[in-house]
């Protein structure tokens, strides 16, 4: 199943015999909480999911957005109406980061029918509603491990021996600024690949061929290779995972990302435009 769906195709599926579960994951780094925007208007039947509280564990040594406990995540998904055989579509209102985080978590936890609304809420031309739904309980039970997950040592090894992409803005990668974490810079050997370059001017993902060309130019090589990704705390890198899958690569997420790496003063830090 492709990792994205167009607004037109979503409208068709919602009117069909097996409509997908809709999950609203509006989230903005450092911005206001997404719940008020959801309550002001959301796709019909969509359930709000809180990224900070429900798609991440408590911040700490594992980073600012460590993976949630699988059982707790499963309970959140069941309350939202997610079942093992039910298609799911996640959307957000900005860059696809929040929706992609949910997409990655569900895929990693073994759900094979989840997609991101391409272009997010801005792409939807149908009606919105303000009623908060009360879906029937789903039966989804997480089985983690369906997508590759990296720890810090594995990320460092991939940066040396394969390809590890840094999904943050270029100035953070280069170490020119660090507005959130303890240290500025990047994992030695990682290649700068900001997530904004995965999208066109309308906020939709580039065509698969264009994405494949982008990642090949960054050193990904032949398709079907595993490519590592990280960001600040494992959120924007999930959007890169969607792009990599569209391009034909296997994304391996370092979930702790820079917020975990930079907490340990023993770990090396590189700065400047070059990987090392």
Protein backbone atom coordinates (compact mmCIF):
# COMPACT_ATOMS: atom_id res chain seq x y z
CA UNK A 1 0.00 0.00 0.00
CA UNK A 2 1.32 3.43 -0.92
CA UNK A 3 2.03 5.58 2.16
CA UNK A 4 -0.01 8.58 0.93
CA UNK A 5 -3.51 9.25 -0.38
CA UNK A 6 -4.84 12.24 -2.30
CA UNK A 7 -7.77 14.28 -0.99
CA UNK A 8 -9.88 13.23 -3.99
CA UNK A 9 -9.20 9.53 -3.39
CA UNK A 10 -9.92 9.96 0.31
CA UNK A 11 -13.30 11.52 -0.44
CA UNK A 12 -14.13 8.53 -2.65
CA UNK A 13 -13.11 6.04 0.02
CA UNK A 14 -15.07 7.85 2.72
CA UNK A 15 -18.19 7.46 0.58
CA UNK A 16 -17.46 3.78 -0.08
CA UNK A 17 -18.34 0.57 1.78
CA UNK A 18 -15.17 0.45 3.94
CA UNK A 19 -14.29 4.03 4.87
CA UNK A 20 -10.95 4.53 6.61
CA UNK A 21 -10.58 5.65 10.20
CA UNK A 22 -9.53 9.31 10.14
CA UNK A 23 -7.00 10.57 12.67
CA UNK A 24 -6.25 14.29 13.09
CA UNK A 25 -2.67 14.80 14.31
CA UNK A 26 -2.30 18.56 14.10
CA UNK A 27 1.01 19.44 15.72
CA UNK A 28 3.53 22.23 15.37
CA UNK A 29 6.93 22.22 17.04
CA UNK A 30 6.89 24.93 19.69
CA UNK A 31 3.44 26.08 18.57
CA UNK A 32 0.00 26.03 20.17
CA UNK A 33 -1.72 22.75 20.96
CA UNK A 34 -3.64 21.29 18.03
CA UNK A 35 -6.84 20.43 19.91
CA UNK A 36 -8.49 23.88 19.60
CA UNK A 37 -7.95 23.85 15.83
CA UNK A 38 -9.44 20.36 15.67
CA UNK A 39 -12.50 21.45 17.62
CA UNK A 40 -12.93 24.45 15.34
CA UNK A 41 -13.19 22.19 12.31
CA UNK A 42 -11.97 18.77 11.22
CA UNK A 43 -12.62 16.16 8.55
CA UNK A 44 -15.95 14.40 9.13
CA UNK A 45 -15.55 11.63 11.69
CA UNK A 46 -11.90 12.38 12.44
CA UNK A 47 -10.57 11.66 15.93
CA UNK A 48 -7.91 13.93 17.43
CA UNK A 49 -4.65 12.31 18.54
CA UNK A 50 -2.24 14.25 20.76
CA UNK A 51 1.30 13.78 19.49
CA UNK A 52 3.07 14.85 22.68
CA UNK A 53 0.83 12.88 25.06
CA UNK A 54 -0.21 9.87 22.98
CA UNK A 55 2.39 9.33 20.26
CA UNK A 56 5.44 9.72 22.51
CA UNK A 57 6.64 8.62 25.91
CA UNK A 58 7.81 10.97 28.64
CA UNK A 59 10.86 13.05 27.60
CA UNK A 60 14.17 12.15 29.18
CA UNK A 61 17.41 10.39 28.33
CA UNK A 62 15.69 8.80 25.33
CA UNK A 63 14.99 12.20 23.81
CA UNK A 64 12.15 14.71 23.64
CA UNK A 65 9.72 12.36 21.87
CA UNK A 66 10.77 8.79 22.69
CA UNK A 67 8.51 6.05 21.36
CA UNK A 68 5.41 5.46 23.47
CA UNK A 69 4.88 2.24 25.38
CA UNK A 70 3.41 -0.13 22.77
CA UNK A 71 0.51 -1.18 24.99
CA UNK A 72 -0.36 2.43 25.79
CA UNK A 73 -0.17 3.30 22.09
CA UNK A 74 -2.41 0.36 21.26
CA UNK A 75 -5.00 1.55 23.76
CA UNK A 76 -4.99 5.02 22.17
CA UNK A 77 -5.51 3.53 18.73
CA UNK A 78 -8.33 1.24 19.91
CA UNK A 79 -10.11 4.19 21.53
CA UNK A 80 -9.81 6.00 18.20
CA UNK A 81 -11.56 3.10 16.47
CA UNK A 82 -8.53 1.46 14.84
CA UNK A 83 -8.78 -2.25 14.13
CA UNK A 84 -6.27 -4.58 12.54
CA UNK A 85 -8.17 -4.87 9.26
CA UNK A 86 -9.42 -1.29 9.00
CA UNK A 87 -7.66 1.24 6.76
CA UNK A 88 -6.40 4.36 8.52
CA UNK A 89 -5.67 7.84 7.15
CA UNK A 90 -3.78 10.40 9.24
CA UNK A 91 -3.61 14.10 8.46
CA UNK A 92 -2.29 17.30 10.01
CA UNK A 93 -2.13 20.96 9.17
CA UNK A 94 1.56 21.61 8.65
CA UNK A 95 4.30 19.81 6.66
CA UNK A 96 3.00 16.28 7.32
CA UNK A 97 5.16 15.79 10.42
CA UNK A 98 2.44 14.83 12.89
CA UNK A 99 0.56 12.61 10.46
CA UNK A 100 3.77 10.88 9.44
CA UNK A 101 4.68 10.20 13.07
CA UNK A 102 1.39 8.35 13.48
CA UNK A 103 1.87 6.60 10.13
CA UNK A 104 5.33 5.40 11.18
CA UNK A 105 4.16 4.23 14.60
CA UNK A 106 1.25 2.25 13.20
CA UNK A 107 3.43 0.72 10.50
CA UNK A 108 6.15 -0.13 13.01
CA UNK A 109 3.51 -1.67 15.27
CA UNK A 110 2.28 -3.97 12.50
CA UNK A 111 -0.65 -2.15 10.89
CA UNK A 112 -0.32 -2.49 7.12
CA UNK A 113 -3.12 -0.21 5.93
CA UNK A 114 -2.21 3.30 7.02
CA UNK A 115 -1.65 6.36 4.83
CA UNK A 116 -0.96 10.08 5.16
CA UNK A 117 -3.29 12.61 3.51
CA UNK A 118 -1.06 14.21 0.89
CA UNK A 119 -1.05 17.97 1.42
CA UNK A 120 -2.78 17.68 4.78
CA UNK A 121 -5.86 19.61 5.78
CA UNK A 122 -5.16 22.33 3.20
CA UNK A 123 -5.69 19.80 0.39
CA UNK A 124 -9.17 18.82 1.59
CA UNK A 125 -11.93 20.52 -0.38
CA UNK A 126 -14.89 18.85 1.31
CA UNK A 127 -16.87 19.94 4.36
CA UNK A 128 -15.49 20.15 7.88
CA UNK A 129 -17.37 19.43 11.08
CA UNK A 130 -17.06 20.42 14.73
CA UNK A 131 -18.81 17.44 16.33
CA UNK A 132 -16.39 15.25 18.31
CA UNK A 133 -17.10 11.63 17.36
CA UNK A 134 -17.30 8.68 19.74
CA UNK A 135 -16.08 5.76 17.61
CA UNK A 136 -16.65 2.13 18.50
CA UNK A 137 -13.66 0.51 20.20
CA UNK A 138 -11.20 -1.03 17.76
CA UNK A 139 -9.20 -4.23 18.20
CA UNK A 140 -5.72 -3.18 17.09
CA UNK A 141 -2.96 -4.92 19.06
CA UNK A 142 0.58 -3.63 18.40
CA UNK A 143 3.25 -6.06 17.25
CA UNK A 144 6.36 -3.85 17.14
CA UNK A 145 9.14 -4.46 14.66
CA UNK A 146 7.48 -4.24 11.25
CA UNK A 147 9.73 -1.27 10.33
CA UNK A 148 13.44 -1.04 11.25
CA UNK A 149 14.29 1.01 14.33
CA UNK A 150 17.79 2.28 15.16
CA UNK A 151 19.38 3.00 18.49
CA UNK A 152 22.21 5.53 18.86
CA UNK A 153 25.01 3.04 18.20
CA UNK A 154 23.25 1.64 15.14
CA UNK A 155 22.68 5.15 13.80
CA UNK A 156 26.38 5.93 14.25
CA UNK A 157 27.34 2.72 12.43
CA UNK A 158 24.99 3.49 9.55
CA UNK A 159 26.45 6.99 9.27
CA UNK A 160 29.89 5.38 8.88
CA UNK A 161 29.07 2.41 6.69
CA UNK A 162 25.82 3.24 4.91
CA UNK A 163 23.64 6.34 4.72
CA UNK A 164 22.14 8.29 7.62
CA UNK A 165 20.05 11.33 6.66
CA UNK A 166 19.58 14.31 8.96
CA UNK A 167 16.06 15.64 8.34
CA UNK A 168 16.46 18.94 10.23
CA UNK A 169 16.93 22.37 8.72
CA UNK A 170 20.38 22.93 7.26
CA UNK A 171 21.42 25.54 9.79
CA UNK A 172 20.81 23.12 12.66
CA UNK A 173 22.74 20.37 10.86
CA UNK A 174 25.67 22.73 10.30
CA UNK A 175 25.65 23.76 13.95
CA UNK A 176 24.95 27.43 13.24
CA UNK A 177 21.98 27.43 15.60
CA UNK A 178 20.31 25.06 18.01
CA UNK A 179 17.07 26.43 19.47
CA UNK A 180 16.07 23.34 21.44
CA UNK A 181 18.77 20.82 22.25
CA UNK A 182 21.90 21.05 24.38
CA UNK A 183 24.50 20.98 21.60
CA UNK A 184 24.48 22.18 17.98
CA UNK A 185 25.72 20.06 15.09
CA UNK A 186 25.09 16.61 13.65
CA UNK A 187 26.03 12.96 13.99
CA UNK A 188 29.42 12.46 12.31
CA UNK A 189 28.95 10.98 8.86
CA UNK A 190 25.27 11.96 8.57
CA UNK A 191 24.14 13.74 5.39
CA UNK A 192 21.94 16.85 5.48
CA UNK A 193 18.49 16.23 3.91
CA UNK A 194 15.90 18.78 5.15
CA UNK A 195 12.31 17.53 5.00
CA UNK A 196 11.12 20.65 3.17
CA UNK A 197 12.82 19.34 0.04
CA UNK A 198 10.42 16.36 -0.04
CA UNK A 199 7.44 18.63 -0.80
CA UNK A 200 6.33 20.86 -3.64
CA UNK A 201 5.08 24.43 -3.30
CA UNK A 202 1.59 23.22 -2.37
CA UNK A 203 2.85 21.07 0.49
CA UNK A 204 2.34 17.78 -1.34
CA UNK A 205 5.01 15.13 -1.72
CA UNK A 206 7.10 15.23 -4.87
CA UNK A 207 6.51 12.51 -7.44
CA UNK A 208 8.10 9.18 -6.58
CA UNK A 209 10.66 9.50 -9.38
CA UNK A 210 11.72 12.94 -8.21
CA UNK A 211 12.10 11.68 -4.65
CA UNK A 212 14.11 8.70 -5.86
CA UNK A 213 16.42 11.05 -7.74
CA UNK A 214 16.80 13.23 -4.66
CA UNK A 215 17.79 10.36 -2.40
CA UNK A 216 20.04 8.78 -5.01
CA UNK A 217 21.91 12.10 -5.27
CA UNK A 218 22.32 12.06 -1.49
CA UNK A 219 23.99 8.66 -1.69
CA UNK A 220 21.12 6.20 -1.28
CA UNK A 221 22.18 4.16 -4.31
CA UNK A 222 19.97 1.35 -5.59
CA UNK A 223 16.35 1.13 -4.49
CA UNK A 224 15.29 -1.30 -1.74
CA UNK A 225 18.32 -0.29 0.34
CA UNK A 226 17.88 0.58 4.00
CA UNK A 227 18.43 4.29 4.65
CA UNK A 228 18.69 5.66 8.18
CA UNK A 229 16.97 8.87 9.21
CA UNK A 230 16.91 11.13 12.25
CA UNK A 231 15.87 14.66 13.14
CA UNK A 232 15.52 16.58 16.38
CA UNK A 233 13.25 14.16 18.23
CA UNK A 234 11.94 11.57 15.78
CA UNK A 235 8.96 13.56 14.42
CA UNK A 236 10.02 15.31 11.21
CA UNK A 237 12.15 12.27 10.33
CA UNK A 238 8.92 10.28 10.05
CA UNK A 239 7.93 12.54 7.15
CA UNK A 240 11.28 11.65 5.57
CA UNK A 241 10.37 7.99 6.11
CA UNK A 242 7.21 8.48 4.06
CA UNK A 243 9.24 10.11 1.28
CA UNK A 244 11.82 7.32 1.33
CA UNK A 245 9.14 4.66 1.07
CA UNK A 246 7.53 6.52 -1.83
CA UNK A 247 10.94 6.55 -3.51
CA UNK A 248 11.41 2.81 -3.08
CA UNK A 249 13.77 2.73 -0.09
CA UNK A 250 13.41 1.11 3.33
CA UNK A 251 13.44 3.79 6.05
CA UNK A 252 15.14 3.00 9.36
CA UNK A 253 14.28 5.57 12.04
CA UNK A 254 16.60 6.64 14.85
CA UNK A 255 13.71 7.60 17.12
CA UNK A 256 15.79 9.24 19.85
CA UNK A 257 17.39 11.45 17.21
CA UNK A 258 19.48 14.52 18.04
CA UNK A 259 17.65 15.15 21.32
CA UNK A 260 18.93 11.81 22.62
CA UNK A 261 22.34 11.92 20.93
CA UNK A 262 23.20 15.40 22.19
CA UNK A 263 22.31 14.58 25.81
CA UNK A 264 25.33 12.29 26.08
CA UNK A 265 28.57 14.34 26.24
CA UNK A 266 30.55 11.23 25.30
CA UNK A 267 29.01 11.10 21.84
CA UNK A 268 30.92 12.96 19.09
CA UNK A 269 29.46 16.01 17.36
CA UNK A 270 30.28 17.29 13.87
CA UNK A 271 29.63 20.79 12.57
CA UNK A 272 29.78 22.51 9.20
CA UNK A 273 28.29 21.55 5.82
CA UNK A 274 30.19 18.29 5.39
CA UNK A 275 29.12 14.96 6.92
CA UNK A 276 32.26 14.40 8.98
